[in-house]
Protein backbone atom coordinates (compact mmCIF):
# COMPACT_ATOMS: atom_id res chain seq x y z
CA MET A 1 172.20 66.34 67.11
CA SER A 2 169.52 64.53 69.14
CA HIS A 3 170.24 63.39 72.66
CA ARG A 4 168.50 60.22 73.67
CA GLN A 5 167.64 60.08 77.37
CA VAL A 6 169.21 57.05 79.06
CA LYS A 7 166.92 55.20 81.42
CA PRO A 8 168.33 54.46 84.87
CA PRO A 9 168.91 50.78 85.67
CA LEU A 10 165.91 49.05 87.24
CA ILE A 11 165.93 46.94 90.40
CA LEU A 12 162.96 44.61 90.82
CA PHE A 13 162.21 43.78 94.47
CA LEU A 14 160.27 40.58 95.10
CA TYR A 15 158.47 40.58 98.45
CA SER A 16 155.15 39.37 99.84
CA ASP A 17 152.84 40.41 102.67
CA THR A 18 153.24 37.17 104.58
CA GLY A 19 154.76 38.48 107.80
CA GLY A 20 158.43 38.66 108.66
CA GLY A 21 158.69 42.33 107.76
CA HIS A 22 159.31 41.58 104.07
CA ARG A 23 157.49 44.74 102.97
CA SER A 24 159.09 47.03 105.56
CA ALA A 25 162.60 45.77 104.76
CA THR A 26 162.00 46.25 101.04
CA GLU A 27 160.68 49.77 101.56
CA ALA A 28 163.67 50.63 103.75
CA ILE A 29 166.13 49.56 101.03
CA ILE A 30 164.23 51.46 98.33
CA GLU A 31 164.16 54.56 100.53
CA SER A 32 167.94 54.39 100.96
CA LEU A 33 168.51 53.87 97.23
CA HIS A 34 166.54 57.05 96.52
CA LEU A 35 168.34 58.98 99.26
CA GLU A 36 171.81 57.83 98.25
CA PHE A 37 171.49 57.81 94.45
CA ASP A 38 168.86 60.47 93.74
CA GLY A 39 167.06 59.02 90.72
CA ARG A 40 170.06 57.26 89.19
CA ILE A 41 168.49 53.88 90.04
CA ALA A 42 164.85 53.00 89.36
CA THR A 43 163.01 50.60 91.63
CA VAL A 44 159.76 48.63 91.63
CA MET A 45 158.47 46.28 94.33
CA VAL A 46 156.12 43.43 93.44
CA ASP A 47 154.26 40.99 95.66
CA PHE A 48 155.44 38.05 93.59
CA LEU A 49 152.91 35.62 95.09
CA THR A 50 150.06 37.63 93.57
CA HIS A 51 151.58 36.76 90.17
CA ALA A 52 151.86 33.04 91.01
CA PRO A 53 149.39 30.29 90.08
CA ARG A 54 147.05 28.78 92.64
CA PRO A 55 147.46 27.80 95.45
CA PHE A 56 150.55 30.01 95.94
CA LYS A 57 148.51 33.05 94.97
CA GLN A 58 146.34 32.61 98.11
CA LEU A 59 149.23 32.46 100.59
CA PRO A 60 149.09 36.17 101.58
CA LEU A 61 145.40 35.70 102.44
CA PHE A 62 145.96 32.45 104.34
CA TYR A 63 149.04 33.59 106.25
CA PRO A 64 147.26 35.32 109.19
CA HIS A 65 145.25 32.13 109.79
CA MET A 66 148.28 29.84 109.43
CA VAL A 67 150.31 31.60 112.12
CA ARG A 68 147.43 31.40 114.59
CA VAL A 69 148.10 27.64 114.82
CA PRO A 70 151.71 27.72 116.08
CA GLN A 71 152.00 23.95 116.56
CA ALA A 72 151.16 23.30 112.90
CA TRP A 73 153.49 26.12 111.84
CA GLU A 74 156.36 24.59 113.83
CA ILE A 75 155.88 21.15 112.28
CA GLY A 76 155.82 22.57 108.76
CA TYR A 77 158.83 24.79 109.44
CA HIS A 78 161.06 22.00 110.72
CA LEU A 79 159.94 19.42 108.15
CA SER A 80 160.98 21.74 105.32
CA ASP A 81 164.07 23.24 106.95
CA GLY A 82 166.98 21.45 105.34
CA SER A 83 168.92 22.12 102.15
CA ARG A 84 167.95 18.88 100.43
CA ARG A 85 164.34 19.03 101.62
CA ALA A 86 164.01 22.68 100.60
CA ARG A 87 165.39 21.96 97.13
CA PHE A 88 163.12 18.94 96.72
CA LEU A 89 160.08 21.05 97.62
CA THR A 90 161.02 23.88 95.27
CA ALA A 91 162.15 21.73 92.33
CA SER A 92 158.62 20.67 91.45
CA ALA A 93 157.28 24.18 92.02
CA SER A 94 159.74 25.69 89.55
CA SER A 95 158.26 24.08 86.46
CA TRP A 96 154.75 24.86 87.73
CA VAL A 97 155.44 28.58 88.15
CA ARG A 98 157.76 29.01 85.14
CA PRO A 99 155.15 30.59 82.79
CA ASN A 100 154.11 33.03 85.52
CA VAL A 101 157.73 33.90 86.29
CA HIS A 102 158.54 34.63 82.65
CA ALA A 103 155.39 36.75 82.35
CA LEU A 104 156.40 38.72 85.46
CA PHE A 105 159.86 39.49 84.13
CA ALA A 106 158.51 40.38 80.71
CA GLN A 107 156.38 42.97 82.51
CA TYR A 108 159.33 44.22 84.60
CA PRO A 109 162.55 43.86 82.57
CA ALA A 110 164.93 44.48 85.46
CA ASP A 111 168.69 44.92 85.51
CA LEU A 112 168.90 43.45 89.02
CA ILE A 113 166.52 41.23 91.03
CA VAL A 114 166.35 41.43 94.82
CA ALA A 115 164.39 38.82 96.78
CA THR A 116 163.26 39.71 100.31
CA HIS A 117 161.15 36.58 100.77
CA PRO A 118 162.41 32.98 101.08
CA LEU A 119 159.88 31.60 98.56
CA ALA A 120 161.20 34.00 95.92
CA THR A 121 164.63 32.36 95.70
CA ALA A 122 164.80 28.75 94.45
CA PRO A 123 161.61 28.59 92.33
CA ILE A 124 162.40 31.83 90.50
CA LEU A 125 166.10 31.10 90.07
CA ARG A 126 165.28 27.68 88.64
CA ALA A 127 162.49 29.02 86.44
CA LEU A 128 164.70 31.73 84.95
CA ASN A 129 167.70 29.42 84.68
CA ARG A 130 170.69 31.30 83.17
CA HIS A 131 168.66 33.84 81.26
CA ARG A 132 168.39 36.44 83.98
CA PRO A 133 170.03 39.52 85.46
CA PRO A 134 172.04 39.30 88.72
CA PHE A 135 170.00 37.97 91.65
CA VAL A 136 170.50 39.16 95.25
CA THR A 137 168.80 37.70 98.31
CA VAL A 138 168.22 39.93 101.34
CA VAL A 139 167.37 37.68 104.29
CA THR A 140 164.77 39.44 106.43
CA ASP A 141 164.90 36.98 109.33
CA LEU A 142 167.30 37.86 112.13
CA VAL A 143 168.81 34.67 113.54
CA SER A 144 166.76 31.51 112.83
CA THR A 145 166.89 31.48 109.04
CA HIS A 146 165.14 28.80 107.00
CA ALA A 147 167.05 26.84 104.35
CA LEU A 148 164.69 28.22 101.69
CA TRP A 149 166.51 31.55 101.94
CA TYR A 150 169.74 30.11 100.58
CA HIS A 151 170.36 28.96 97.03
CA PRO A 152 173.76 28.52 95.35
CA LEU A 153 172.52 30.18 92.13
CA SER A 154 171.94 33.45 94.00
CA ASP A 155 174.74 35.86 93.11
CA LEU A 156 174.82 37.47 96.54
CA CYS A 157 173.14 36.89 99.90
CA LEU A 158 172.87 39.66 102.51
CA VAL A 159 172.16 38.63 106.09
CA ALA A 160 171.53 40.41 109.38
CA THR A 161 173.72 38.56 111.89
CA GLU A 162 176.73 36.28 112.28
CA MET A 163 174.35 33.40 113.08
CA ALA A 164 172.57 33.90 109.76
CA PHE A 165 175.97 34.05 108.02
CA GLN A 166 176.95 30.67 109.48
CA ARG A 167 173.57 29.24 108.48
CA ALA A 168 174.16 30.38 104.90
CA LEU A 169 177.50 28.55 104.83
CA ALA A 170 175.89 25.43 106.30
CA CYS A 171 173.34 25.55 103.47
CA GLY A 172 176.08 25.47 100.87
CA LEU A 173 176.77 29.11 100.02
CA THR A 174 180.39 30.17 99.65
CA PRO A 175 181.71 32.85 102.06
CA GLU A 176 182.35 35.39 99.29
CA LYS A 177 178.66 35.31 98.37
CA VAL A 178 177.45 36.18 101.89
CA HIS A 179 177.69 39.61 103.56
CA ILE A 180 176.55 40.67 107.04
CA THR A 181 174.74 44.00 106.73
CA GLY A 182 172.22 44.10 109.57
CA LEU A 183 168.48 44.12 109.02
CA PRO A 184 167.29 47.06 106.87
CA VAL A 185 165.11 49.49 108.83
CA ALA A 186 163.45 52.70 107.61
CA GLU A 187 165.25 55.98 108.27
CA ARG A 188 162.40 57.35 110.37
CA PHE A 189 163.10 54.85 113.16
CA GLY A 190 166.39 56.60 113.79
CA GLN A 191 164.97 60.08 113.31
CA PRO A 192 161.90 60.74 115.50
CA SER A 193 159.77 63.69 114.45
CA ALA A 194 160.18 65.39 117.84
CA ASP A 195 161.72 64.96 121.28
CA ARG A 196 160.23 62.52 123.76
CA ASP A 197 158.21 65.01 125.84
CA THR A 198 156.72 66.56 122.71
CA LEU A 199 155.80 63.14 121.34
CA ARG A 200 154.09 62.18 124.58
CA ALA A 201 152.14 65.42 124.61
CA ARG A 202 151.02 64.77 121.03
CA PHE A 203 149.82 61.27 121.90
CA GLY A 204 148.18 62.44 125.13
CA TRP A 205 150.40 60.13 127.18
CA PRO A 206 151.29 61.00 130.79
CA GLN A 207 154.72 62.49 131.40
CA ASP A 208 155.04 61.32 135.01
CA ARG A 209 155.03 57.52 134.59
CA PRO A 210 156.66 54.96 132.29
CA VAL A 211 154.71 53.99 129.18
CA ILE A 212 154.53 50.33 128.12
CA LEU A 213 154.07 49.84 124.37
CA LEU A 214 152.36 46.51 123.57
CA VAL A 215 152.36 45.31 119.96
CA GLY A 216 151.62 42.09 118.09
CA GLY A 217 152.98 42.79 114.62
CA GLY A 218 150.99 44.00 111.64
CA GLU A 219 148.35 41.29 112.14
CA GLY A 220 147.95 41.80 115.89
CA MET A 221 149.17 38.25 116.53
CA GLY A 222 149.92 36.37 119.72
CA PRO A 223 148.02 36.56 123.04
CA LEU A 224 147.71 40.33 122.69
CA LYS A 225 144.34 40.63 124.40
CA GLU A 226 145.22 38.41 127.37
CA THR A 227 148.54 40.18 127.86
CA ALA A 228 146.94 43.63 127.75
CA MET A 229 144.29 42.62 130.29
CA ILE A 230 146.68 41.18 132.84
CA ILE A 231 149.08 44.14 132.54
CA ALA A 232 146.22 46.53 133.20
CA GLU A 233 144.83 44.45 136.07
CA ALA A 234 148.25 44.48 137.78
CA ARG A 235 147.72 48.24 138.21
CA LEU A 236 151.38 49.08 137.79
CA PRO A 237 152.26 52.76 138.14
CA ALA A 238 152.56 52.97 134.35
CA ALA A 239 150.54 53.71 131.23
CA LEU A 240 149.75 51.23 128.46
CA ALA A 241 149.70 51.83 124.70
CA ILE A 242 148.36 48.93 122.63
CA VAL A 243 148.80 48.55 118.85
CA THR A 244 146.43 45.94 117.40
CA GLY A 245 147.60 46.25 113.79
CA ARG A 246 145.13 45.06 111.17
CA ASN A 247 143.13 43.18 113.80
CA THR A 248 140.17 45.57 113.71
CA ALA A 249 137.91 43.28 115.77
CA LEU A 250 140.41 43.24 118.62
CA ARG A 251 140.83 47.00 118.46
CA ALA A 252 137.06 47.53 118.75
CA GLU A 253 136.83 45.08 121.66
CA LEU A 254 139.65 46.76 123.57
CA GLN A 255 138.27 50.23 122.93
CA ALA A 256 134.94 49.17 124.43
CA ARG A 257 136.56 48.18 127.73
CA GLN A 258 137.14 50.24 130.86
CA TRP A 259 140.81 50.27 131.84
CA PRO A 260 142.18 50.65 135.38
CA ILE A 261 145.35 52.43 134.23
CA PRO A 262 145.82 55.07 131.50
CA THR A 263 145.45 53.05 128.28
CA PHE A 264 145.69 54.13 124.65
CA ILE A 265 144.59 51.84 121.81
CA TYR A 266 145.69 52.07 118.17
CA GLY A 267 145.03 50.03 115.05
CA PHE A 268 147.44 49.77 112.13
CA VAL A 269 149.78 52.76 112.46
CA ARG A 270 152.35 54.52 110.28
CA GLU A 271 153.87 56.38 113.23
CA MET A 272 155.42 53.38 114.98
CA PRO A 273 158.84 55.11 115.10
CA ASP A 274 157.40 57.97 117.16
CA LEU A 275 155.47 55.55 119.38
CA MET A 276 158.68 53.66 120.08
CA HIS A 277 160.71 56.78 120.79
CA ALA A 278 158.01 58.04 123.16
CA ALA A 279 157.68 54.75 125.10
CA ASP A 280 159.84 53.32 127.90
CA ILE A 281 159.32 49.57 127.42
CA LEU A 282 158.27 47.42 124.46
CA VAL A 283 156.23 44.23 124.86
CA THR A 284 156.12 42.34 121.57
CA LYS A 285 156.20 39.02 119.76
CA ALA A 286 159.67 38.06 118.60
CA GLY A 287 159.40 39.38 115.04
CA PRO A 288 162.73 40.42 113.48
CA SER A 289 161.66 43.82 112.17
CA THR A 290 160.04 44.97 115.41
CA ILE A 291 163.07 43.83 117.40
CA SER A 292 165.46 45.70 115.10
CA GLU A 293 163.29 48.82 115.26
CA ALA A 294 163.28 48.59 119.06
CA PHE A 295 167.07 48.37 119.07
CA ILE A 296 167.27 51.65 117.15
CA ALA A 297 164.85 53.31 119.58
CA GLY A 298 166.84 51.95 122.52
CA LEU A 299 163.85 50.17 124.05
CA PRO A 300 164.17 47.33 126.57
CA ILE A 301 162.10 44.43 125.25
CA VAL A 302 159.74 41.91 126.82
CA LEU A 303 159.14 39.11 124.31
CA TYR A 304 155.82 37.40 125.00
CA SER A 305 155.31 35.09 121.99
CA CYS A 306 157.06 33.83 118.88
CA LEU A 307 156.54 31.77 115.75
CA PRO A 308 158.13 28.43 116.69
CA GLY A 309 161.21 27.62 114.68
CA GLN A 310 161.31 30.85 112.72
CA GLU A 311 161.66 33.22 115.68
CA ASP A 312 163.23 31.00 118.36
CA GLY A 313 166.70 32.37 117.68
CA ASN A 314 165.50 35.95 118.07
CA ILE A 315 164.65 35.24 121.72
CA VAL A 316 168.14 33.95 122.44
CA PHE A 317 169.69 36.90 120.59
CA VAL A 318 167.77 39.50 122.63
CA THR A 319 168.12 37.85 126.03
CA SER A 320 171.77 36.79 125.68
CA HIS A 321 172.75 40.40 125.00
CA GLY A 322 170.80 41.69 127.98
CA ALA A 323 168.41 43.74 125.83
CA GLY A 324 165.26 42.04 127.07
CA VAL A 325 163.54 39.08 128.66
CA TRP A 326 161.49 36.12 127.46
CA ALA A 327 158.08 35.98 129.16
CA PRO A 328 155.81 33.50 127.34
CA HIS A 329 153.02 33.70 129.94
CA PRO A 330 151.06 36.89 130.76
CA LYS A 331 151.99 36.57 134.46
CA GLN A 332 155.66 36.46 133.49
CA VAL A 333 155.14 39.60 131.40
CA VAL A 334 153.74 41.38 134.46
CA ALA A 335 156.63 40.19 136.63
CA ALA A 336 159.18 41.50 134.12
CA LEU A 337 157.38 44.84 133.83
CA LYS A 338 157.05 45.20 137.60
CA ASN A 339 160.77 44.62 137.98
CA TRP A 340 161.63 47.29 135.39
CA VAL A 341 159.10 49.78 136.80
CA ASP A 342 160.35 49.24 140.37
CA HIS A 343 164.01 49.18 139.35
CA PRO A 344 164.51 51.81 136.64
CA GLU A 345 168.27 51.28 136.72
CA GLU A 346 167.77 47.74 135.40
CA ARG A 347 165.41 49.05 132.73
CA LEU A 348 167.97 51.63 131.65
CA ALA A 349 170.70 48.97 131.49
CA ALA A 350 168.53 46.86 129.19
CA ALA A 351 167.77 49.95 127.09
CA ALA A 352 171.51 50.62 126.69
CA ALA A 353 172.10 46.99 125.67
CA SER A 354 169.27 47.28 123.15
CA ARG A 355 170.78 50.42 121.63
CA GLU A 356 174.14 48.66 121.26
CA LEU A 357 172.51 46.11 118.94
CA ALA A 358 170.96 48.71 116.60
CA PRO A 359 171.52 47.88 112.90
CA THR A 360 172.60 51.45 112.19
CA GLY A 361 172.92 52.21 108.48
CA ALA A 362 171.99 48.69 107.31
CA ALA A 363 169.57 49.88 104.61
CA ARG A 364 172.09 52.36 103.20
CA LYS A 365 174.82 49.73 103.29
CA ILE A 366 172.60 47.40 101.26
CA ALA A 367 171.75 50.24 98.87
CA HIS A 368 175.45 50.75 98.10
CA ILE A 369 176.02 47.02 97.60
CA LEU A 370 173.16 46.89 95.09
CA ALA A 371 174.36 50.02 93.32
CA ALA A 372 177.83 48.52 92.98
CA ARG A 373 176.27 45.49 91.29
CA LEU A 374 174.76 47.88 88.74
CA GLY A 375 177.97 49.84 88.31
CA VAL A 376 176.43 52.99 89.80
CA GLU A 377 178.70 55.08 92.03
């Protein structure tokens, strides 16, 4: 008797490298699926915009330039942020992308589709119509969630916070379709490779002063250079670690400078969890993934910039819970840092508040929800 090997069910993840931590959230969920179900579920992640027709295909390339004009970004965000407006915008796109969508799903015949990008919801759901497997949306924004995330044809929508849950209901989703899971974060953010002193020794950081970690997201966005300069010029009794991301020109410029305090400069890094666990304070733009990662590391946060509209709610979320401060001007950043350096008890209180907000187990929770949809236990 021959035994035919049964293929595990396939989940197709649709993401894109257009900020917002879409890739990192997708990778965190896939990691948890492999950890929890050990090969019983197959996964593939596809940057769906690279399979789209022009001009959508160019969006990942244009994104870093688009976000460097925050006023234009804000106008576009608010003009499109409404259920009727979002559906009007996506209705015409659906017929345009339909041949590409069908070609994509012919290439990846999935048993479940998971969208971790707002542009992967309405156009794809409309293009596939009823001839599709179950469709799950994982919202990778934290608080201020655009209407494009929410579509009534989605079978399930997973959100990070109560505010995002309420937004989903306001956009027409029924309560039974929406679940609060927290934002998915990779396991390594909760499991540093070594203790703090060992990590600092590995990085060459001083052990006798607080270390300020300054980041600007994967693209090195925001006034990163100006903020770094004014922090250093304040000559606080601290060290400074700067992560410039993919902004190689900025990294080279900063490395060529002389710094008045101990300063360490990095480009795009894979060891961000260890950097966070070794640091004392995080200075960052208000990106949802970085904020959630900081919560897990128990870092007090100074937010120095944001994408208007999309990240406004993140500022309120962090500051209202006492986990950080909003400092949109470099001098305000220095004032906040000076206060936390001079008053470590206040810094530790903010660190404790940050840790309380950690989305512990969110990725594994999502993995189990997806597995249940496939009938895998």
